[in-house]
N, C-alpha and C. Protein backbone atom coordinates (compact mmCIF):
# COMPACT_ATOMS: atom_id res chain seq x y z
N MET A 1 -2.90 -12.09 -9.49
CA MET A 1 -2.05 -12.07 -8.33
C MET A 1 -2.58 -12.94 -7.13
N GLU A 2 -1.69 -13.65 -6.50
CA GLU A 2 -2.13 -14.47 -5.48
C GLU A 2 -1.56 -13.91 -4.16
N LEU A 3 -2.34 -13.88 -3.20
CA LEU A 3 -1.76 -13.28 -1.92
C LEU A 3 -2.09 -14.17 -0.74
N GLU A 4 -1.13 -14.84 -0.16
CA GLU A 4 -1.30 -15.76 0.97
C GLU A 4 -1.69 -14.98 2.33
N ILE A 5 -2.81 -15.42 2.87
CA ILE A 5 -3.25 -14.84 4.03
C ILE A 5 -3.57 -15.88 5.13
N ILE A 6 -2.95 -15.48 6.28
CA ILE A 6 -3.07 -16.63 7.33
C ILE A 6 -4.12 -15.97 8.47
N ILE A 7 -5.08 -16.73 8.80
CA ILE A 7 -6.07 -16.14 9.83
C ILE A 7 -5.93 -17.26 11.14
N GLU A 8 -5.78 -16.68 12.19
CA GLU A 8 -5.57 -17.38 13.30
C GLU A 8 -6.66 -17.11 14.40
N LYS A 9 -7.21 -17.96 15.09
CA LYS A 9 -8.27 -17.57 16.11
C LYS A 9 -7.62 -17.86 17.41
N LYS A 10 -7.52 -16.62 18.31
CA LYS A 10 -7.05 -16.90 19.56
C LYS A 10 -8.00 -16.25 20.55
N HIS A 11 -8.37 -17.09 21.47
CA HIS A 11 -9.54 -16.66 22.45
C HIS A 11 -10.79 -16.30 21.73
N HIS A 12 -11.17 -15.02 21.77
CA HIS A 12 -12.35 -14.68 21.05
C HIS A 12 -12.16 -13.66 19.94
N THR A 13 -10.97 -13.52 19.42
CA THR A 13 -10.53 -12.79 18.23
C THR A 13 -9.92 -13.46 17.17
N PHE A 14 -9.94 -12.95 16.00
CA PHE A 14 -9.29 -13.44 14.84
C PHE A 14 -8.19 -12.45 14.53
N CYS A 15 -7.06 -12.96 14.02
CA CYS A 15 -5.85 -12.33 13.65
C CYS A 15 -5.55 -12.69 12.12
N ALA A 16 -5.51 -11.67 11.13
CA ALA A 16 -5.28 -11.90 9.80
C ALA A 16 -3.84 -11.38 9.59
N LYS A 17 -2.94 -12.12 8.76
CA LYS A 17 -1.71 -11.59 8.40
C LYS A 17 -1.45 -11.96 6.92
N ALA A 18 -0.56 -11.37 6.24
CA ALA A 18 -0.20 -11.67 4.89
C ALA A 18 1.45 -11.63 4.81
N PRO A 19 2.05 -12.77 4.80
CA PRO A 19 3.56 -12.76 4.64
C PRO A 19 4.16 -11.84 3.92
N MET A 20 3.47 -11.47 2.83
CA MET A 20 4.10 -10.61 1.77
C MET A 20 4.18 -9.10 2.42
N PHE A 21 3.26 -8.86 3.41
CA PHE A 21 3.36 -7.50 4.03
C PHE A 21 3.54 -7.86 5.58
N PRO A 22 4.75 -8.18 5.98
CA PRO A 22 5.03 -8.58 7.30
C PRO A 22 4.71 -7.64 8.46
N THR A 23 4.68 -6.23 8.14
CA THR A 23 4.29 -5.23 9.11
C THR A 23 2.83 -4.98 9.21
N CYS A 24 1.99 -5.65 8.55
CA CYS A 24 0.57 -5.28 8.42
C CYS A 24 -0.18 -6.48 9.11
N ILE A 25 -1.17 -6.17 9.86
CA ILE A 25 -2.04 -7.11 10.63
C ILE A 25 -3.41 -6.59 10.82
N GLY A 26 -4.27 -7.49 10.93
CA GLY A 26 -5.72 -7.20 11.14
C GLY A 26 -6.33 -7.99 12.15
N ILE A 27 -6.79 -7.36 13.24
CA ILE A 27 -7.47 -8.04 14.22
C ILE A 27 -8.84 -7.60 14.39
N GLY A 28 -9.76 -8.82 14.67
CA GLY A 28 -11.30 -8.44 14.70
C GLY A 28 -11.98 -9.45 15.45
N LYS A 29 -13.28 -9.23 15.78
CA LYS A 29 -14.16 -10.26 16.44
C LYS A 29 -14.56 -11.47 15.52
N SER A 30 -14.34 -11.12 14.14
CA SER A 30 -14.80 -12.11 13.10
C SER A 30 -13.77 -12.12 12.11
N GLU A 31 -13.73 -13.31 11.30
CA GLU A 31 -12.78 -13.30 10.25
C GLU A 31 -12.95 -12.05 9.32
N ARG A 32 -14.12 -11.72 8.93
CA ARG A 32 -14.40 -10.78 7.92
C ARG A 32 -13.92 -9.47 8.65
N GLU A 33 -14.10 -9.09 9.97
CA GLU A 33 -13.46 -7.89 10.42
C GLU A 33 -11.95 -7.86 10.42
N ALA A 34 -11.46 -8.96 10.67
CA ALA A 34 -9.91 -9.14 10.76
C ALA A 34 -9.33 -8.85 9.38
N LEU A 35 -10.08 -9.32 8.24
CA LEU A 35 -9.60 -9.32 6.98
C LEU A 35 -9.75 -7.79 6.40
N GLU A 36 -10.90 -7.16 6.81
CA GLU A 36 -11.06 -5.75 6.50
C GLU A 36 -10.08 -4.89 7.16
N ARG A 37 -9.64 -5.22 8.44
CA ARG A 37 -8.60 -4.38 9.05
C ARG A 37 -7.17 -4.63 8.52
N LEU A 38 -6.95 -5.79 7.97
CA LEU A 38 -5.72 -6.22 7.32
C LEU A 38 -5.67 -5.41 6.04
N LYS A 39 -6.71 -5.36 5.44
CA LYS A 39 -6.83 -4.64 4.04
C LYS A 39 -6.54 -3.17 4.21
N ARG A 40 -7.14 -2.48 5.22
CA ARG A 40 -6.78 -1.22 5.50
C ARG A 40 -5.42 -1.00 6.03
N SER A 41 -4.86 -1.83 6.71
CA SER A 41 -3.39 -1.81 7.00
C SER A 41 -2.44 -1.84 5.88
N VAL A 42 -2.69 -2.70 5.06
CA VAL A 42 -1.95 -2.90 3.76
C VAL A 42 -2.13 -1.67 2.92
N HIS A 43 -3.34 -1.04 2.71
CA HIS A 43 -3.64 0.06 1.98
C HIS A 43 -2.68 1.15 2.51
N ARG A 44 -2.82 1.40 3.83
CA ARG A 44 -2.01 2.50 4.50
C ARG A 44 -0.49 2.37 4.35
N MET A 45 -0.02 1.16 4.37
CA MET A 45 1.41 0.86 4.18
C MET A 45 1.73 1.31 2.83
N ILE A 46 1.05 0.80 1.77
CA ILE A 46 1.45 1.03 0.34
C ILE A 46 1.10 2.75 0.06
N SER A 47 0.28 3.27 0.54
CA SER A 47 0.10 4.67 0.52
C SER A 47 1.20 5.39 1.06
N ASN A 48 1.66 4.99 2.17
CA ASN A 48 2.57 5.84 2.85
C ASN A 48 3.97 5.57 1.94
N GLN A 49 4.29 4.45 1.50
CA GLN A 49 5.31 4.28 0.78
C GLN A 49 5.41 5.06 -0.50
N ALA A 50 4.22 5.04 -1.29
CA ALA A 50 3.99 5.88 -2.37
C ALA A 50 4.39 7.29 -2.09
N LEU A 51 3.80 7.82 -1.07
CA LEU A 51 3.97 9.30 -0.76
C LEU A 51 5.38 9.52 -0.27
N GLU A 52 5.94 8.59 0.39
CA GLU A 52 7.49 8.86 0.67
C GLU A 52 8.37 8.88 -0.46
N SER A 53 8.01 7.91 -1.47
CA SER A 53 8.87 7.96 -2.70
C SER A 53 8.67 9.26 -3.51
N LEU A 54 7.44 9.77 -3.61
CA LEU A 54 7.30 10.94 -4.25
C LEU A 54 7.71 12.20 -3.58
N ASP A 55 7.64 12.19 -2.28
CA ASP A 55 8.43 13.30 -1.47
C ASP A 55 9.73 13.25 -1.77
N PHE A 56 10.40 12.02 -1.83
CA PHE A 56 11.88 11.95 -2.10
C PHE A 56 12.23 12.59 -3.41
N LEU A 57 11.51 12.22 -4.49
CA LEU A 57 11.63 12.63 -5.84
C LEU A 57 11.46 14.26 -5.86
N LEU A 58 10.44 14.72 -5.17
CA LEU A 58 10.14 16.20 -5.34
C LEU A 58 11.14 16.95 -4.55
N ASN A 59 11.59 16.43 -3.46
CA ASN A 59 12.71 17.10 -2.66
C ASN A 59 14.00 17.13 -3.33
N SER A 60 14.28 16.04 -4.03
CA SER A 60 15.62 15.89 -4.70
C SER A 60 15.89 17.10 -5.79
N LYS A 61 14.84 17.51 -6.30
CA LYS A 61 14.82 18.57 -7.38
C LYS A 61 15.79 18.09 -8.62
N ASN A 62 15.73 16.53 -8.80
CA ASN A 62 16.50 16.01 -9.83
C ASN A 62 15.56 15.87 -10.90
N TYR A 63 14.88 16.63 -11.35
CA TYR A 63 13.87 16.53 -12.48
C TYR A 63 13.60 18.07 -13.16
N LYS A 64 13.10 17.89 -14.41
CA LYS A 64 12.76 19.16 -15.08
C LYS A 64 11.26 19.37 -14.92
N SER A 65 10.40 18.24 -15.00
CA SER A 65 9.05 18.29 -15.10
C SER A 65 8.42 17.02 -14.56
N ILE A 66 7.29 17.09 -14.04
CA ILE A 66 6.56 15.86 -13.52
C ILE A 66 5.13 16.12 -14.26
N THR A 67 4.62 14.91 -14.80
CA THR A 67 3.42 14.86 -15.56
C THR A 67 2.46 13.99 -14.81
N ILE A 68 1.32 14.25 -14.39
CA ILE A 68 0.34 13.19 -13.72
C ILE A 68 -0.69 13.27 -14.53
N ASP A 69 -1.05 12.02 -14.93
CA ASP A 69 -2.09 11.66 -16.01
C ASP A 69 -3.17 10.77 -15.26
N PRO A 70 -4.25 11.33 -14.84
CA PRO A 70 -5.37 10.62 -14.09
C PRO A 70 -6.18 9.74 -15.16
N ARG A 71 -6.02 10.08 -16.52
CA ARG A 71 -6.78 9.35 -17.50
C ARG A 71 -6.07 7.82 -17.67
N ASN A 72 -4.94 7.61 -17.25
CA ASN A 72 -4.29 6.38 -17.24
C ASN A 72 -4.94 5.33 -16.39
N LYS A 73 -5.89 4.67 -16.78
CA LYS A 73 -6.67 3.63 -15.90
C LYS A 73 -5.91 2.51 -15.52
N LYS A 74 -4.92 2.11 -16.36
CA LYS A 74 -4.20 0.79 -16.18
C LYS A 74 -3.43 0.90 -14.86
N ILE A 75 -2.78 2.05 -14.66
CA ILE A 75 -2.02 2.06 -13.38
C ILE A 75 -2.50 3.22 -12.62
N GLY A 76 -3.64 3.65 -12.76
CA GLY A 76 -4.12 4.72 -11.81
C GLY A 76 -3.64 5.97 -12.33
N ARG A 77 -2.85 6.69 -11.55
CA ARG A 77 -2.13 7.95 -11.82
C ARG A 77 -0.72 7.62 -12.21
N ALA A 78 -0.24 8.12 -13.43
CA ALA A 78 1.08 7.84 -13.83
C ALA A 78 1.93 9.15 -13.37
N HIS A 79 3.02 8.79 -12.73
CA HIS A 79 3.79 10.06 -12.41
C HIS A 79 5.23 9.74 -13.31
N VAL A 80 5.26 10.62 -14.12
CA VAL A 80 6.41 10.65 -15.01
C VAL A 80 7.15 11.88 -14.80
N TRP A 81 8.68 11.54 -14.67
CA TRP A 81 9.44 12.70 -14.51
C TRP A 81 10.56 12.80 -15.65
N THR A 82 10.99 13.98 -15.92
CA THR A 82 12.29 13.91 -16.70
C THR A 82 13.50 14.28 -16.01
N PRO A 83 14.43 13.46 -16.05
CA PRO A 83 15.62 13.72 -15.25
C PRO A 83 16.52 14.87 -15.75
N VAL A 84 17.10 15.51 -14.91
CA VAL A 84 17.99 16.70 -15.28
C VAL A 84 19.21 15.97 -15.80
N THR A 85 19.59 16.58 -17.02
CA THR A 85 20.81 16.10 -17.72
C THR A 85 21.73 17.21 -17.78
């Protein structure tokens, strides 16, 4: 996977952005700090979206069962639901 990252230096700070994640930004006193903060920003955004999606699914009550398999290393935790028919 390739991810374009743009780093700009303004005055005494660095700003890191990723066009794929337009709402995420990292600002720091060094490039490394800006990248670390961008990474945390992207992580929070993805985590929040995953939680919102799971909340929506659970609150819809449109399932019979949900299985969480932490052994599935390829995709982390697999959430599998059985739709109500």
